Amino acid sequence: MVNRRAALKQFLLIGAGAAIVPGCLPGNDKALQALNNISITRQQEQTIEALAGIILPATKTPGAKEIQAPAFVLTMVDDCYKKEDQALFIKGLEAFEAFAKEKAGKSFLEADAAAQNNIISALQAKQGETATDSLLYFYTKTRALTIQAYTSSKFYMTNIKGYKMLPGTFKGCVPLQNA
């Protein structure tokens, strides 16, 4: 005979196991960032992270990855773009992966840093030529959103631009000539 306490423990263990096990199964390739309107794989999410890291690499200052620019890019596309533009962005992401395989012989993530830079250089050279519209759309939007994320980050606004929330301090007890 099982008492109530043992039954509750078993029920909680089974419930927790049912919640955790699906995430541990192989083949679960969903992106880590929760998106409502677009669906990307973890590999595609990592491709955007790598591309943002090349667009704005870390030097003495934090790069795009450190300020979470890839998450900003995906959030903006997911929340602020029209359905047609979201579909074009995803199609461009797939075209970018195919373009990388064509240029480097392997995926963008598997390529070394020199090959990744060559892929980006080849893509920039094709901007006026034969690159597909979705490929150029993906690259230009990712680049623009990465730069926007960086230039609106706390680090950039406070350390580089010198932004201050208030226009100046108020000196109420000082005569006007001394202020």
N, C-alpha and C. Protein backbone atom coordinates (compact mmCIF):
# COMPACT_ATOMS: atom_id res chain seq x y z
N MET A 1 0.83 -1.17 0.00
CA MET A 1 0.00 0.00 0.00
C MET A 1 0.89 1.25 0.00
N VAL A 2 0.58 2.20 -0.83
CA VAL A 2 1.36 3.43 -0.97
C VAL A 2 0.66 4.54 -0.20
N ASN A 3 1.45 5.23 0.62
CA ASN A 3 0.83 6.34 1.35
C ASN A 3 0.82 7.59 0.47
N ARG A 4 0.16 8.62 0.92
CA ARG A 4 -0.04 9.83 0.13
C ARG A 4 1.29 10.53 -0.16
N ARG A 5 2.18 10.61 0.80
CA ARG A 5 3.46 11.28 0.62
C ARG A 5 4.28 10.60 -0.48
N ALA A 6 4.37 9.29 -0.47
CA ALA A 6 5.11 8.55 -1.49
C ALA A 6 4.46 8.73 -2.86
N ALA A 7 3.14 8.73 -2.91
CA ALA A 7 2.44 8.91 -4.18
C ALA A 7 2.71 10.29 -4.76
N LEU A 8 2.72 11.33 -3.92
CA LEU A 8 3.01 12.69 -4.38
C LEU A 8 4.44 12.80 -4.89
N LYS A 9 5.40 12.19 -4.18
CA LYS A 9 6.79 12.22 -4.63
C LYS A 9 6.94 11.57 -6.00
N GLN A 10 6.31 10.40 -6.17
CA GLN A 10 6.39 9.70 -7.45
C GLN A 10 5.74 10.53 -8.56
N PHE A 11 4.61 11.13 -8.25
CA PHE A 11 3.92 11.95 -9.25
C PHE A 11 4.78 13.15 -9.67
N LEU A 12 5.42 13.81 -8.71
CA LEU A 12 6.29 14.94 -9.02
C LEU A 12 7.52 14.51 -9.82
N LEU A 13 8.11 13.37 -9.47
CA LEU A 13 9.26 12.88 -10.23
C LEU A 13 8.88 12.54 -11.66
N ILE A 14 7.75 11.91 -11.85
CA ILE A 14 7.30 11.55 -13.19
C ILE A 14 6.99 12.82 -13.99
N GLY A 15 6.34 13.79 -13.36
CA GLY A 15 6.03 15.05 -14.04
C GLY A 15 7.28 15.81 -14.43
N ALA A 16 8.25 15.88 -13.53
CA ALA A 16 9.51 16.57 -13.84
C ALA A 16 10.26 15.85 -14.95
N GLY A 17 10.28 14.54 -14.90
CA GLY A 17 10.94 13.76 -15.95
C GLY A 17 10.29 13.97 -17.30
N ALA A 18 8.97 14.03 -17.32
CA ALA A 18 8.26 14.25 -18.58
C ALA A 18 8.55 15.63 -19.15
N ALA A 19 8.80 16.59 -18.28
CA ALA A 19 9.10 17.94 -18.75
C ALA A 19 10.54 18.07 -19.23
N ILE A 20 11.46 17.34 -18.64
CA ILE A 20 12.89 17.48 -18.96
C ILE A 20 13.32 16.60 -20.12
N VAL A 21 12.83 15.39 -20.20
CA VAL A 21 13.31 14.41 -21.18
C VAL A 21 13.19 14.88 -22.63
N PRO A 22 12.10 15.52 -23.07
CA PRO A 22 12.04 15.92 -24.48
C PRO A 22 13.18 16.84 -24.91
N GLY A 23 13.67 17.68 -24.02
CA GLY A 23 14.78 18.56 -24.36
C GLY A 23 16.10 17.83 -24.46
N CYS A 24 16.18 16.63 -23.91
CA CYS A 24 17.43 15.86 -23.93
C CYS A 24 17.50 14.90 -25.11
N LEU A 25 16.41 14.73 -25.82
CA LEU A 25 16.39 13.79 -26.93
C LEU A 25 17.22 14.32 -28.09
N PRO A 26 17.93 13.43 -28.81
CA PRO A 26 18.68 13.89 -29.98
C PRO A 26 17.71 14.36 -31.06
N GLY A 27 18.17 15.32 -31.85
CA GLY A 27 17.34 15.82 -32.92
C GLY A 27 16.54 17.04 -32.52
N ASN A 28 16.63 17.45 -31.27
CA ASN A 28 15.94 18.65 -30.83
C ASN A 28 16.82 19.83 -31.22
N ASP A 29 16.55 20.42 -32.38
CA ASP A 29 17.42 21.43 -32.95
C ASP A 29 16.76 22.80 -32.95
N LYS A 30 15.87 23.05 -32.00
CA LYS A 30 15.20 24.35 -31.94
C LYS A 30 16.17 25.39 -31.41
N ALA A 31 15.97 26.61 -31.83
CA ALA A 31 16.79 27.72 -31.37
C ALA A 31 16.58 27.94 -29.88
N LEU A 32 17.61 28.44 -29.21
CA LEU A 32 17.51 28.69 -27.78
C LEU A 32 16.63 29.89 -27.47
N GLN A 33 16.62 30.88 -28.37
CA GLN A 33 15.80 32.06 -28.16
C GLN A 33 14.36 31.76 -28.56
N ALA A 34 13.43 32.09 -27.69
CA ALA A 34 12.01 31.86 -27.98
C ALA A 34 11.51 32.91 -28.96
N LEU A 35 11.03 32.46 -30.10
CA LEU A 35 10.52 33.35 -31.13
C LEU A 35 9.07 32.99 -31.42
N ASN A 36 8.24 33.99 -31.67
CA ASN A 36 6.82 33.74 -31.88
C ASN A 36 6.44 33.59 -33.34
N ASN A 37 7.05 34.37 -34.22
CA ASN A 37 6.59 34.45 -35.60
C ASN A 37 7.51 33.78 -36.62
N ILE A 38 8.75 33.54 -36.25
CA ILE A 38 9.66 32.85 -37.16
C ILE A 38 10.18 31.60 -36.48
N SER A 39 10.57 30.64 -37.28
CA SER A 39 11.08 29.38 -36.74
C SER A 39 12.46 29.13 -37.36
N ILE A 40 13.47 29.08 -36.49
CA ILE A 40 14.82 28.78 -36.96
C ILE A 40 15.40 27.66 -36.11
N THR A 41 16.42 27.02 -36.66
CA THR A 41 17.09 25.95 -35.94
C THR A 41 18.23 26.54 -35.11
N ARG A 42 18.78 25.73 -34.24
CA ARG A 42 19.91 26.16 -33.41
C ARG A 42 21.11 26.49 -34.30
N GLN A 43 21.32 25.72 -35.35
CA GLN A 43 22.44 25.98 -36.26
C GLN A 43 22.27 27.32 -36.96
N GLN A 44 21.05 27.66 -37.36
CA GLN A 44 20.81 28.95 -38.00
C GLN A 44 21.03 30.09 -37.00
N GLU A 45 20.63 29.87 -35.76
CA GLU A 45 20.86 30.87 -34.72
C GLU A 45 22.37 31.08 -34.52
N GLN A 46 23.13 30.00 -34.52
CA GLN A 46 24.58 30.10 -34.37
C GLN A 46 25.22 30.76 -35.59
N THR A 47 24.64 30.56 -36.77
CA THR A 47 25.14 31.22 -37.98
C THR A 47 24.99 32.73 -37.85
N ILE A 48 23.84 33.17 -37.35
CA ILE A 48 23.62 34.61 -37.16
C ILE A 48 24.59 35.15 -36.11
N GLU A 49 24.84 34.38 -35.05
CA GLU A 49 25.80 34.80 -34.02
C GLU A 49 27.20 34.94 -34.62
N ALA A 50 27.60 33.98 -35.44
CA ALA A 50 28.94 34.03 -36.05
C ALA A 50 29.05 35.20 -37.03
N LEU A 51 28.00 35.43 -37.80
CA LEU A 51 28.00 36.55 -38.75
C LEU A 51 28.07 37.88 -38.01
N ALA A 52 27.31 38.03 -36.94
CA ALA A 52 27.36 39.26 -36.15
C ALA A 52 28.75 39.45 -35.53
N GLY A 53 29.37 38.35 -35.12
CA GLY A 53 30.72 38.42 -34.56
C GLY A 53 31.75 38.86 -35.57
N ILE A 54 31.52 38.58 -36.85
CA ILE A 54 32.43 39.03 -37.90
C ILE A 54 32.15 40.49 -38.26
N ILE A 55 30.88 40.87 -38.25
CA ILE A 55 30.52 42.25 -38.58
C ILE A 55 31.11 43.21 -37.54
N LEU A 56 30.95 42.89 -36.26
CA LEU A 56 31.50 43.71 -35.17
C LEU A 56 32.29 42.81 -34.22
N PRO A 57 33.55 42.55 -34.52
CA PRO A 57 34.34 41.67 -33.65
C PRO A 57 34.73 42.37 -32.35
N ALA A 58 35.03 41.58 -31.36
CA ALA A 58 35.49 42.11 -30.08
C ALA A 58 36.94 42.53 -30.21
N THR A 59 37.24 43.72 -29.74
CA THR A 59 38.62 44.21 -29.68
C THR A 59 38.86 44.64 -28.24
N LYS A 60 39.35 45.86 -28.04
CA LYS A 60 39.43 46.39 -26.68
C LYS A 60 38.03 46.66 -26.14
N THR A 61 37.11 46.83 -27.06
CA THR A 61 35.71 47.05 -26.69
C THR A 61 34.93 45.77 -26.96
N PRO A 62 33.80 45.57 -26.30
CA PRO A 62 33.01 44.37 -26.55
C PRO A 62 32.48 44.35 -27.99
N GLY A 63 32.37 43.15 -28.53
CA GLY A 63 31.85 43.00 -29.87
C GLY A 63 30.36 42.72 -29.87
N ALA A 64 29.86 42.33 -31.03
CA ALA A 64 28.43 42.10 -31.19
C ALA A 64 27.92 40.96 -30.31
N LYS A 65 28.72 39.91 -30.16
CA LYS A 65 28.28 38.78 -29.33
C LYS A 65 28.16 39.18 -27.87
N GLU A 66 29.09 40.00 -27.40
CA GLU A 66 29.10 40.36 -25.98
C GLU A 66 27.92 41.26 -25.60
N ILE A 67 27.43 42.04 -26.55
CA ILE A 67 26.28 42.90 -26.23
C ILE A 67 24.96 42.27 -26.68
N GLN A 68 24.99 41.00 -27.04
CA GLN A 68 23.82 40.24 -27.47
C GLN A 68 23.14 40.81 -28.72
N ALA A 69 23.93 41.25 -29.68
CA ALA A 69 23.38 41.75 -30.93
C ALA A 69 22.63 40.67 -31.71
N PRO A 70 23.08 39.40 -31.73
CA PRO A 70 22.30 38.38 -32.45
C PRO A 70 20.89 38.21 -31.89
N ALA A 71 20.74 38.30 -30.59
CA ALA A 71 19.40 38.21 -29.99
C ALA A 71 18.56 39.41 -30.41
N PHE A 72 19.18 40.58 -30.49
CA PHE A 72 18.48 41.78 -30.94
C PHE A 72 18.01 41.62 -32.38
N VAL A 73 18.89 41.09 -33.24
CA VAL A 73 18.54 40.87 -34.65
C VAL A 73 17.32 39.97 -34.76
N LEU A 74 17.36 38.84 -34.06
CA LEU A 74 16.24 37.90 -34.14
C LEU A 74 14.97 38.48 -33.54
N THR A 75 15.08 39.21 -32.45
CA THR A 75 13.90 39.81 -31.83
C THR A 75 13.28 40.85 -32.76
N MET A 76 14.09 41.67 -33.38
CA MET A 76 13.57 42.68 -34.30
C MET A 76 12.88 42.04 -35.50
N VAL A 77 13.50 41.02 -36.07
CA VAL A 77 12.88 40.35 -37.21
C VAL A 77 11.58 39.67 -36.78
N ASP A 78 11.59 39.04 -35.61
CA ASP A 78 10.42 38.32 -35.12
C ASP A 78 9.27 39.26 -34.75
N ASP A 79 9.58 40.36 -34.11
CA ASP A 79 8.53 41.23 -33.57
C ASP A 79 8.14 42.39 -34.48
N CYS A 80 9.06 42.90 -35.28
CA CYS A 80 8.82 44.17 -35.96
C CYS A 80 8.68 44.06 -37.48
N TYR A 81 9.00 42.94 -38.07
CA TYR A 81 8.94 42.83 -39.52
C TYR A 81 7.62 42.20 -39.95
N LYS A 82 7.20 42.56 -41.18
CA LYS A 82 5.99 41.96 -41.75
C LYS A 82 6.27 40.49 -42.08
N LYS A 83 5.20 39.73 -42.23
CA LYS A 83 5.32 38.29 -42.54
C LYS A 83 6.16 38.06 -43.80
N GLU A 84 5.94 38.89 -44.83
CA GLU A 84 6.69 38.71 -46.07
C GLU A 84 8.18 38.95 -45.85
N ASP A 85 8.50 39.97 -45.05
CA ASP A 85 9.90 40.27 -44.77
C ASP A 85 10.54 39.20 -43.89
N GLN A 86 9.76 38.64 -42.96
CA GLN A 86 10.27 37.55 -42.13
C GLN A 86 10.59 36.33 -43.00
N ALA A 87 9.67 36.02 -43.93
CA ALA A 87 9.89 34.89 -44.83
C ALA A 87 11.11 35.13 -45.72
N LEU A 88 11.28 36.37 -46.18
CA LEU A 88 12.43 36.70 -47.01
C LEU A 88 13.73 36.60 -46.21
N PHE A 89 13.69 37.00 -44.95
CA PHE A 89 14.86 36.90 -44.08
C PHE A 89 15.26 35.43 -43.88
N ILE A 90 14.29 34.57 -43.59
CA ILE A 90 14.58 33.14 -43.39
C ILE A 90 15.08 32.51 -44.69
N LYS A 91 14.46 32.88 -45.80
CA LYS A 91 14.91 32.37 -47.10
C LYS A 91 16.34 32.83 -47.38
N GLY A 92 16.64 34.07 -47.02
CA GLY A 92 17.99 34.60 -47.19
C GLY A 92 19.00 33.91 -46.29
N LEU A 93 18.57 33.56 -45.07
CA LEU A 93 19.44 32.81 -44.16
C LEU A 93 19.79 31.45 -44.75
N GLU A 94 18.80 30.79 -45.32
CA GLU A 94 19.06 29.50 -45.98
C GLU A 94 19.95 29.68 -47.20
N ALA A 95 19.72 30.76 -47.97
CA ALA A 95 20.56 31.04 -49.13
C ALA A 95 21.99 31.37 -48.70
N PHE A 96 22.13 32.04 -47.55
CA PHE A 96 23.47 32.36 -47.03
C PHE A 96 24.22 31.08 -46.68
N GLU A 97 23.54 30.13 -46.06
CA GLU A 97 24.19 28.86 -45.73
C GLU A 97 24.60 28.12 -47.00
N ALA A 98 23.74 28.15 -48.04
CA ALA A 98 24.08 27.52 -49.31
C ALA A 98 25.25 28.25 -49.98
N PHE A 99 25.25 29.57 -49.90
CA PHE A 99 26.34 30.38 -50.47
C PHE A 99 27.66 30.05 -49.78
N ALA A 100 27.63 29.88 -48.46
CA ALA A 100 28.84 29.54 -47.71
C ALA A 100 29.35 28.16 -48.13
N LYS A 101 28.45 27.20 -48.31
CA LYS A 101 28.88 25.86 -48.74
C LYS A 101 29.47 25.91 -50.14
N GLU A 102 28.91 26.76 -50.99
CA GLU A 102 29.42 26.90 -52.35
C GLU A 102 30.83 27.51 -52.35
N LYS A 103 31.05 28.51 -51.51
CA LYS A 103 32.33 29.21 -51.49
C LYS A 103 33.41 28.47 -50.71
N ALA A 104 33.04 27.89 -49.56
CA ALA A 104 34.05 27.27 -48.68
C ALA A 104 34.02 25.75 -48.71
N GLY A 105 32.99 25.17 -49.29
CA GLY A 105 32.89 23.72 -49.31
C GLY A 105 32.34 23.13 -48.03
N LYS A 106 32.01 23.98 -47.07
CA LYS A 106 31.41 23.53 -45.81
C LYS A 106 30.53 24.65 -45.28
N SER A 107 29.79 24.35 -44.24
CA SER A 107 28.88 25.36 -43.70
C SER A 107 29.66 26.52 -43.10
N PHE A 108 28.98 27.65 -42.94
CA PHE A 108 29.61 28.86 -42.41
C PHE A 108 30.19 28.61 -41.02
N LEU A 109 29.49 27.83 -40.21
CA LEU A 109 29.96 27.55 -38.85
C LEU A 109 31.19 26.66 -38.83
N GLU A 110 31.27 25.73 -39.77
CA GLU A 110 32.40 24.80 -39.82
C GLU A 110 33.65 25.42 -40.43
N ALA A 111 33.48 26.52 -41.16
CA ALA A 111 34.61 27.17 -41.81
C ALA A 111 35.47 27.89 -40.77
N ASP A 112 36.77 27.97 -41.06
CA ASP A 112 37.65 28.71 -40.15
C ASP A 112 37.46 30.22 -40.37
N ALA A 113 38.12 31.03 -39.55
CA ALA A 113 37.92 32.48 -39.58
C ALA A 113 38.29 33.08 -40.94
N ALA A 114 39.37 32.60 -41.55
CA ALA A 114 39.78 33.13 -42.85
C ALA A 114 38.73 32.82 -43.91
N ALA A 115 38.21 31.59 -43.89
CA ALA A 115 37.18 31.21 -44.86
C ALA A 115 35.90 32.01 -44.64
N GLN A 116 35.54 32.25 -43.37
CA GLN A 116 34.35 33.05 -43.08
C GLN A 116 34.52 34.47 -43.61
N ASN A 117 35.70 35.05 -43.42
CA ASN A 117 35.95 36.40 -43.95
C ASN A 117 35.91 36.41 -45.47
N ASN A 118 36.40 35.34 -46.11
CA ASN A 118 36.33 35.24 -47.57
C ASN A 118 34.89 35.14 -48.04
N ILE A 119 34.06 34.42 -47.31
CA ILE A 119 32.64 34.30 -47.66
C ILE A 119 31.98 35.68 -47.60
N ILE A 120 32.25 36.43 -46.54
CA ILE A 120 31.66 37.76 -46.40
C ILE A 120 32.18 38.69 -47.49
N SER A 121 33.47 38.61 -47.81
CA SER A 121 34.04 39.45 -48.88
C SER A 121 33.41 39.11 -50.22
N ALA A 122 33.22 37.83 -50.50
CA ALA A 122 32.59 37.42 -51.75
C ALA A 122 31.14 37.89 -51.81
N LEU A 123 30.47 37.87 -50.69
CA LEU A 123 29.08 38.34 -50.64
C LEU A 123 29.02 39.84 -50.87
N GLN A 124 29.93 40.58 -50.28
CA GLN A 124 29.94 42.04 -50.48
C GLN A 124 30.28 42.39 -51.92
N ALA A 125 31.12 41.59 -52.56
CA ALA A 125 31.46 41.83 -53.96
C ALA A 125 30.28 41.55 -54.87
N LYS A 126 29.40 40.64 -54.47
CA LYS A 126 28.25 40.28 -55.28
C LYS A 126 27.05 41.19 -55.08
N GLN A 127 27.15 42.19 -54.22
CA GLN A 127 25.98 43.00 -53.91
C GLN A 127 25.36 43.63 -55.14
N GLY A 128 26.13 43.99 -56.12
CA GLY A 128 25.55 44.58 -57.32
C GLY A 128 25.38 43.59 -58.46
N GLU A 129 25.75 42.34 -58.25
CA GLU A 129 25.77 41.38 -59.35
C GLU A 129 24.65 40.36 -59.27
N THR A 130 25.02 39.08 -59.10
CA THR A 130 24.08 37.99 -59.29
C THR A 130 23.56 37.37 -58.00
N ALA A 131 23.88 37.93 -56.85
CA ALA A 131 23.40 37.33 -55.60
C ALA A 131 21.88 37.44 -55.55
N THR A 132 21.26 36.43 -55.01
CA THR A 132 19.80 36.43 -54.95
C THR A 132 19.31 37.54 -54.04
N ASP A 133 18.11 38.00 -54.30
CA ASP A 133 17.54 39.09 -53.50
C ASP A 133 17.44 38.70 -52.04
N SER A 134 17.01 37.49 -51.76
CA SER A 134 16.87 37.08 -50.36
C SER A 134 18.22 37.01 -49.66
N LEU A 135 19.26 36.60 -50.37
CA LEU A 135 20.60 36.54 -49.78
C LEU A 135 21.08 37.93 -49.41
N LEU A 136 20.93 38.88 -50.32
CA LEU A 136 21.33 40.26 -50.03
C LEU A 136 20.46 40.87 -48.94
N TYR A 137 19.17 40.56 -48.97
CA TYR A 137 18.26 41.09 -47.95
C TYR A 137 18.70 40.60 -46.57
N PHE A 138 18.98 39.31 -46.46
CA PHE A 138 19.42 38.75 -45.18
C PHE A 138 20.70 39.42 -44.71
N TYR A 139 21.68 39.53 -45.58
CA TYR A 139 22.97 40.09 -45.17
C TYR A 139 22.85 41.56 -44.78
N THR A 140 22.18 42.36 -45.61
CA THR A 140 22.08 43.79 -45.31
C THR A 140 21.26 44.05 -44.05
N LYS A 141 20.19 43.30 -43.85
CA LYS A 141 19.37 43.49 -42.64
C LYS A 141 20.13 43.02 -41.40
N THR A 142 20.82 41.90 -41.49
CA THR A 142 21.59 41.42 -40.34
C THR A 142 22.69 42.42 -40.00
N ARG A 143 23.35 42.93 -41.00
CA ARG A 143 24.41 43.92 -40.77
C ARG A 143 23.84 45.20 -40.15
N ALA A 144 22.75 45.71 -40.71
CA ALA A 144 22.16 46.95 -40.20
C ALA A 144 21.64 46.77 -38.77
N LEU A 145 20.99 45.65 -38.50
CA LEU A 145 20.46 45.42 -37.15
C LEU A 145 21.58 45.17 -36.14
N THR A 146 22.66 44.55 -36.57
CA THR A 146 23.80 44.35 -35.67
C THR A 146 24.42 45.69 -35.29
N ILE A 147 24.57 46.57 -36.27
CA ILE A 147 25.12 47.90 -36.00
C ILE A 147 24.15 48.70 -35.12
N GLN A 148 22.85 48.59 -35.40
CA GLN A 148 21.86 49.28 -34.57
C GLN A 148 21.91 48.77 -33.13
N ALA A 149 22.04 47.47 -32.96
CA ALA A 149 22.12 46.90 -31.61
C ALA A 149 23.34 47.43 -30.88
N TYR A 150 24.45 47.53 -31.59
CA TYR A 150 25.68 48.00 -30.95
C TYR A 150 25.58 49.48 -30.59
N THR A 151 25.09 50.30 -31.52
CA THR A 151 25.05 51.74 -31.27
C THR A 151 23.95 52.15 -30.30
N SER A 152 23.05 51.24 -29.97
CA SER A 152 22.04 51.56 -28.96
C SER A 152 22.28 50.78 -27.66
N SER A 153 23.43 50.12 -27.56
CA SER A 153 23.75 49.37 -26.35
C SER A 153 24.19 50.31 -25.24
N LYS A 154 24.09 49.85 -24.02
CA LYS A 154 24.50 50.64 -22.87
C LYS A 154 25.99 50.97 -22.94
N PHE A 155 26.80 49.99 -23.33
CA PHE A 155 28.24 50.22 -23.42
C PHE A 155 28.55 51.36 -24.38
N TYR A 156 27.98 51.32 -25.57
CA TYR A 156 28.26 52.35 -26.58
C TYR A 156 27.76 53.71 -26.12
N MET A 157 26.54 53.75 -25.61
CA MET A 157 25.94 55.03 -25.23
C MET A 157 26.68 55.69 -24.06
N THR A 158 27.16 54.91 -23.11
CA THR A 158 27.80 55.51 -21.94
C THR A 158 29.31 55.68 -22.12
N ASN A 159 29.98 54.73 -22.72
CA ASN A 159 31.45 54.77 -22.80
C ASN A 159 31.99 55.43 -24.06
N ILE A 160 31.30 55.32 -25.17
CA ILE A 160 31.82 55.85 -26.42
C ILE A 160 31.16 57.19 -26.77
N LYS A 161 29.85 57.22 -26.73
CA LYS A 161 29.13 58.43 -27.10
C LYS A 161 29.07 59.44 -25.96
N GLY A 162 29.20 58.99 -24.74
CA GLY A 162 29.16 59.89 -23.60
C GLY A 162 27.76 60.37 -23.26
N TYR A 163 26.77 59.53 -23.51
CA TYR A 163 25.38 59.89 -23.26
C TYR A 163 25.14 60.05 -21.76
N LYS A 164 24.46 61.12 -21.42
CA LYS A 164 24.02 61.31 -20.03
C LYS A 164 22.52 61.49 -20.05
N MET A 165 21.86 60.86 -19.10
CA MET A 165 20.40 60.90 -19.11
C MET A 165 19.88 62.31 -18.88
N LEU A 166 20.52 63.07 -18.03
CA LEU A 166 20.08 64.43 -17.75
C LEU A 166 20.94 65.41 -18.54
N PRO A 167 20.37 66.55 -18.95
CA PRO A 167 21.16 67.50 -19.73
C PRO A 167 22.25 68.19 -18.93
N GLY A 168 22.16 68.19 -17.64
CA GLY A 168 23.17 68.80 -16.78
C GLY A 168 22.63 68.83 -15.36
N THR A 169 23.47 69.22 -14.46
CA THR A 169 23.01 69.26 -13.08
C THR A 169 22.36 70.60 -12.79
N PHE A 170 21.41 70.60 -11.90
CA PHE A 170 20.70 71.81 -11.50
C PHE A 170 21.33 72.35 -10.23
N LYS A 171 21.75 73.60 -10.29
CA LYS A 171 22.33 74.26 -9.13
C LYS A 171 21.35 75.33 -8.66
N GLY A 172 20.46 74.96 -7.77
CA GLY A 172 19.40 75.87 -7.34
C GLY A 172 19.83 76.91 -6.34
N CYS A 173 20.90 76.70 -5.63
CA CYS A 173 21.33 77.61 -4.56
C CYS A 173 22.44 78.56 -5.01
N VAL A 174 22.73 78.63 -6.27
CA VAL A 174 23.84 79.43 -6.77
C VAL A 174 23.27 80.60 -7.57
N PRO A 175 23.80 81.79 -7.41
CA PRO A 175 23.33 82.90 -8.24
C PRO A 175 23.54 82.61 -9.72
N LEU A 176 22.75 83.21 -10.55
CA LEU A 176 22.74 82.93 -11.98
C LEU A 176 24.11 83.19 -12.62
N GLN A 177 24.84 84.21 -12.17
CA GLN A 177 26.14 84.51 -12.77
C GLN A 177 27.15 83.39 -12.51
N ASN A 178 27.05 82.69 -11.39
CA ASN A 178 28.01 81.64 -11.04
C ASN A 178 27.64 80.27 -11.61
N ALA A 179 26.45 80.11 -12.10
CA ALA A 179 25.99 78.81 -12.56
C ALA A 179 26.51 78.50 -13.88
